[in-house]
């Protein structure tokens, strides 16, 4: 049995309202290039002013908001409302020097790798 167009629209609106109130995990890529660790997070349609980045211990949290529009969507696959993503970071990253840049709907985080150099330790004698 096929659903009538108004019924399909009602279902879409109900689904959109339910999912608009939930936090949604944004997709990301994480990689290392030389002595820098990168995290690219997809945040299409997000106002950069709404992005909040915090580091608590080894947990990096990114929160943002993609505001709803008054458009009548035919297909709405990108999440609306609050977006968030948590990433557990290595202790080998220098989070005090973390840099963030938002460009073309992608938030790029640059985190330098801590320099841990080996050194020779002299042994003192009595």
C-alpha atoms as a PDB file:
ATOM      1  CA  UNK A   1       0.000   0.000   0.000  1.00  0.00           C
ATOM      2  CA  UNK A   2       1.367   3.419  -0.926  1.00  0.00           C
ATOM      3  CA  UNK A   3       1.219   6.321   1.474  1.00  0.00           C
ATOM      4  CA  UNK A   4      -0.323   9.561   0.351  1.00  0.00           C
ATOM      5  CA  UNK A   5       1.924  12.589   0.040  1.00  0.00           C
ATOM      6  CA  UNK A   6       0.472  14.413   3.102  1.00  0.00           C
ATOM      7  CA  UNK A   7       1.072  11.301   5.259  1.00  0.00           C
ATOM      8  CA  UNK A   8       4.683  11.063   4.089  1.00  0.00           C
ATOM      9  CA  UNK A   9       5.224  14.758   4.856  1.00  0.00           C
ATOM     10  CA  UNK A  10       3.699  14.362   8.325  1.00  0.00           C
ATOM     11  CA  UNK A  11       6.044  11.445   9.011  1.00  0.00           C
ATOM     12  CA  UNK A  12       9.043  13.453   7.772  1.00  0.00           C
ATOM     13  CA  UNK A  13       8.135  16.405  10.001  1.00  0.00           C
ATOM     14  CA  UNK A  14       7.677  14.157  13.041  1.00  0.00           C
ATOM     15  CA  UNK A  15      11.009  12.448  12.397  1.00  0.00           C
ATOM     16  CA  UNK A  16      12.735  15.807  11.948  1.00  0.00           C
ATOM     17  CA  UNK A  17      11.323  17.095  15.259  1.00  0.00           C
ATOM     18  CA  UNK A  18      12.452  13.997  17.159  1.00  0.00           C
ATOM     19  CA  UNK A  19      15.977  14.029  15.768  1.00  0.00           C
ATOM     20  CA  UNK A  20      16.357  17.806  16.032  1.00  0.00           C
ATOM     21  CA  UNK A  21      16.441  17.567  19.823  1.00  0.00           C
ATOM     22  CA  UNK A  22      19.161  14.916  19.976  1.00  0.00           C
ATOM     23  CA  UNK A  23      22.868  15.500  19.827  1.00  0.00           C
ATOM     24  CA  UNK A  24      24.341  13.999  16.731  1.00  0.00           C
ATOM     25  CA  UNK A  25      27.867  12.799  16.150  1.00  0.00           C
ATOM     26  CA  UNK A  26      29.606  14.698  13.388  1.00  0.00           C
ATOM     27  CA  UNK A  27      31.763  12.638  11.043  1.00  0.00           C
ATOM     28  CA  UNK A  28      35.519  13.058  11.292  1.00  0.00           C
ATOM     29  CA  UNK A  29      38.893  12.014   9.947  1.00  0.00           C
ATOM     30  CA  UNK A  30      41.937  11.899  12.259  1.00  0.00           C
ATOM     31  CA  UNK A  31      45.472  11.585  10.937  1.00  0.00           C
ATOM     32  CA  UNK A  32      49.090  12.479  11.600  1.00  0.00           C
ATOM     33  CA  UNK A  33      51.353  14.374   9.246  1.00  0.00           C
ATOM     34  CA  UNK A  34      54.960  14.699  10.407  1.00  0.00           C
ATOM     35  CA  UNK A  35      54.874  16.168  13.928  1.00  0.00           C
ATOM     36  CA  UNK A  36      51.256  17.349  13.823  1.00  0.00           C
ATOM     37  CA  UNK A  37      48.014  15.478  14.534  1.00  0.00           C
ATOM     38  CA  UNK A  38      44.939  16.606  12.579  1.00  0.00           C
ATOM     39  CA  UNK A  39      41.222  16.109  13.147  1.00  0.00           C
ATOM     40  CA  UNK A  40      38.851  17.162  10.339  1.00  0.00           C
ATOM     41  CA  UNK A  41      35.202  17.324  11.414  1.00  0.00           C
ATOM     42  CA  UNK A  42      32.385  17.794   8.905  1.00  0.00           C
ATOM     43  CA  UNK A  43      30.150  20.657  10.047  1.00  0.00           C
ATOM     44  CA  UNK A  44      28.196  21.706   6.937  1.00  0.00           C
ATOM     45  CA  UNK A  45      25.823  24.615   7.388  1.00  0.00           C
ATOM     46  CA  UNK A  46      27.182  25.461  10.837  1.00  0.00           C
ATOM     47  CA  UNK A  47      27.886  29.061  11.846  1.00  0.00           C
ATOM     48  CA  UNK A  48      31.528  29.094  13.041  1.00  0.00           C
ATOM     49  CA  UNK A  49      30.458  31.340  15.958  1.00  0.00           C
ATOM     50  CA  UNK A  50      28.373  28.440  17.335  1.00  0.00           C
ATOM     51  CA  UNK A  51      31.359  26.074  17.553  1.00  0.00           C
ATOM     52  CA  UNK A  52      32.599  25.330  21.087  1.00  0.00           C
ATOM     53  CA  UNK A  53      35.809  23.337  21.583  1.00  0.00           C
ATOM     54  CA  UNK A  54      36.915  22.131  25.025  1.00  0.00           C
ATOM     55  CA  UNK A  55      39.629  19.813  26.296  1.00  0.00           C
ATOM     56  CA  UNK A  56      39.107  18.164  29.680  1.00  0.00           C
ATOM     57  CA  UNK A  57      41.984  15.878  30.530  1.00  0.00           C
ATOM     58  CA  UNK A  58      42.372  13.621  27.514  1.00  0.00           C
ATOM     59  CA  UNK A  59      38.864  14.235  26.130  1.00  0.00           C
ATOM     60  CA  UNK A  60      38.337  16.743  23.333  1.00  0.00           C
ATOM     61  CA  UNK A  61      34.714  17.845  22.894  1.00  0.00           C
ATOM     62  CA  UNK A  62      33.404  19.776  19.912  1.00  0.00           C
ATOM     63  CA  UNK A  63      29.866  21.172  20.042  1.00  0.00           C
ATOM     64  CA  UNK A  64      28.082  23.199  17.388  1.00  0.00           C
ATOM     65  CA  UNK A  65      24.595  24.037  16.226  1.00  0.00           C
ATOM     66  CA  UNK A  66      23.101  23.740  12.781  1.00  0.00           C
ATOM     67  CA  UNK A  67      20.017  25.935  12.887  1.00  0.00           C
ATOM     68  CA  UNK A  68      16.762  24.829  11.391  1.00  0.00           C
ATOM     69  CA  UNK A  69      15.371  26.780   8.486  1.00  0.00           C
ATOM     70  CA  UNK A  70      11.772  27.356   7.517  1.00  0.00           C
ATOM     71  CA  UNK A  71      12.312  25.496   4.242  1.00  0.00           C
ATOM     72  CA  UNK A  72      10.098  22.528   3.437  1.00  0.00           C
ATOM     73  CA  UNK A  73      12.626  19.761   2.897  1.00  0.00           C
ATOM     74  CA  UNK A  74      12.098  16.992   0.381  1.00  0.00           C
ATOM     75  CA  UNK A  75      15.175  15.153   1.705  1.00  0.00           C
ATOM     76  CA  UNK A  76      16.942  16.091   4.954  1.00  0.00           C
ATOM     77  CA  UNK A  77      19.908  13.811   5.635  1.00  0.00           C
ATOM     78  CA  UNK A  78      22.196  16.272   7.402  1.00  0.00           C
ATOM     79  CA  UNK A  79      21.508  16.517  11.132  1.00  0.00           C
ATOM     80  CA  UNK A  80      19.856  19.661  12.491  1.00  0.00           C
ATOM     81  CA  UNK A  81      20.142  21.131  15.947  1.00  0.00           C
ATOM     82  CA  UNK A  82      22.969  20.345  18.345  1.00  0.00           C
ATOM     83  CA  UNK A  83      25.969  18.474  16.988  1.00  0.00           C
ATOM     84  CA  UNK A  84      28.700  17.091  19.186  1.00  0.00           C
ATOM     85  CA  UNK A  85      31.708  14.847  18.974  1.00  0.00           C
ATOM     86  CA  UNK A  86      34.075  13.601  21.663  1.00  0.00           C
ATOM     87  CA  UNK A  87      37.527  12.245  20.959  1.00  0.00           C
ATOM     88  CA  UNK A  88      39.951  10.705  23.444  1.00  0.00           C
ATOM     89  CA  UNK A  89      43.369  12.217  22.790  1.00  0.00           C
ATOM     90  CA  UNK A  90      46.779  10.735  23.362  1.00  0.00           C
ATOM     91  CA  UNK A  91      48.866  12.153  26.186  1.00  0.00           C
ATOM     92  CA  UNK A  92      51.567  12.651  23.532  1.00  0.00           C
ATOM     93  CA  UNK A  93      49.693  15.633  22.063  1.00  0.00           C
ATOM     94  CA  UNK A  94      50.336  19.244  23.074  1.00  0.00           C
ATOM     95  CA  UNK A  95      46.714  20.338  23.608  1.00  0.00           C
ATOM     96  CA  UNK A  96      47.889  23.720  24.956  1.00  0.00           C
ATOM     97  CA  UNK A  97      48.925  24.563  21.385  1.00  0.00           C
ATOM     98  CA  UNK A  98      45.751  23.252  19.699  1.00  0.00           C
ATOM     99  CA  UNK A  99      44.612  25.402  16.739  1.00  0.00           C
ATOM    100  CA  UNK A 100      41.195  25.363  15.063  1.00  0.00           C
ATOM    101  CA  UNK A 101      40.098  26.588  11.628  1.00  0.00           C
ATOM    102  CA  UNK A 102      36.666  26.384   9.965  1.00  0.00           C
ATOM    103  CA  UNK A 103      36.629  26.450   6.172  1.00  0.00           C
ATOM    104  CA  UNK A 104      34.125  25.186   3.589  1.00  0.00           C
ATOM    105  CA  UNK A 105      32.049  23.349   6.201  1.00  0.00           C
ATOM    106  CA  UNK A 106      35.021  21.504   7.707  1.00  0.00           C
ATOM    107  CA  UNK A 107      36.506  22.223  11.136  1.00  0.00           C
ATOM    108  CA  UNK A 108      40.217  21.368  11.137  1.00  0.00           C
ATOM    109  CA  UNK A 109      42.008  20.948  14.454  1.00  0.00           C
ATOM    110  CA  UNK A 110      45.829  20.975  14.473  1.00  0.00           C
ATOM    111  CA  UNK A 111      47.522  19.556  17.547  1.00  0.00           C
ATOM    112  CA  UNK A 112      51.318  19.400  17.720  1.00  0.00           C
ATOM    113  CA  UNK A 113      52.857  16.144  18.882  1.00  0.00           C
ATOM    114  CA  UNK A 114      54.852  16.672  22.085  1.00  0.00           C
ATOM    115  CA  UNK A 115      58.567  16.533  21.581  1.00  0.00           C
ATOM    116  CA  UNK A 116      59.868  13.726  23.731  1.00  0.00           C
ATOM    117  CA  UNK A 117      63.548  13.488  23.040  1.00  0.00           C
ATOM    118  CA  UNK A 118      65.760  10.878  24.535  1.00  0.00           C
ATOM    119  CA  UNK A 119      68.590  12.144  26.630  1.00  0.00           C
ATOM    120  CA  UNK A 120      71.551  10.653  28.345  1.00  0.00           C
ATOM    121  CA  UNK A 121      71.467  10.802  32.137  1.00  0.00           C
ATOM    122  CA  UNK A 122      74.750  11.145  33.965  1.00  0.00           C
ATOM    123  CA  UNK A 123      75.228   8.984  37.033  1.00  0.00           C
ATOM    124  CA  UNK A 124      76.589  10.858  40.030  1.00  0.00           C
ATOM    125  CA  UNK A 125      79.055   9.215  42.360  1.00  0.00           C
ATOM    126  CA  UNK A 126      79.316   9.668  46.099  1.00  0.00           C
END
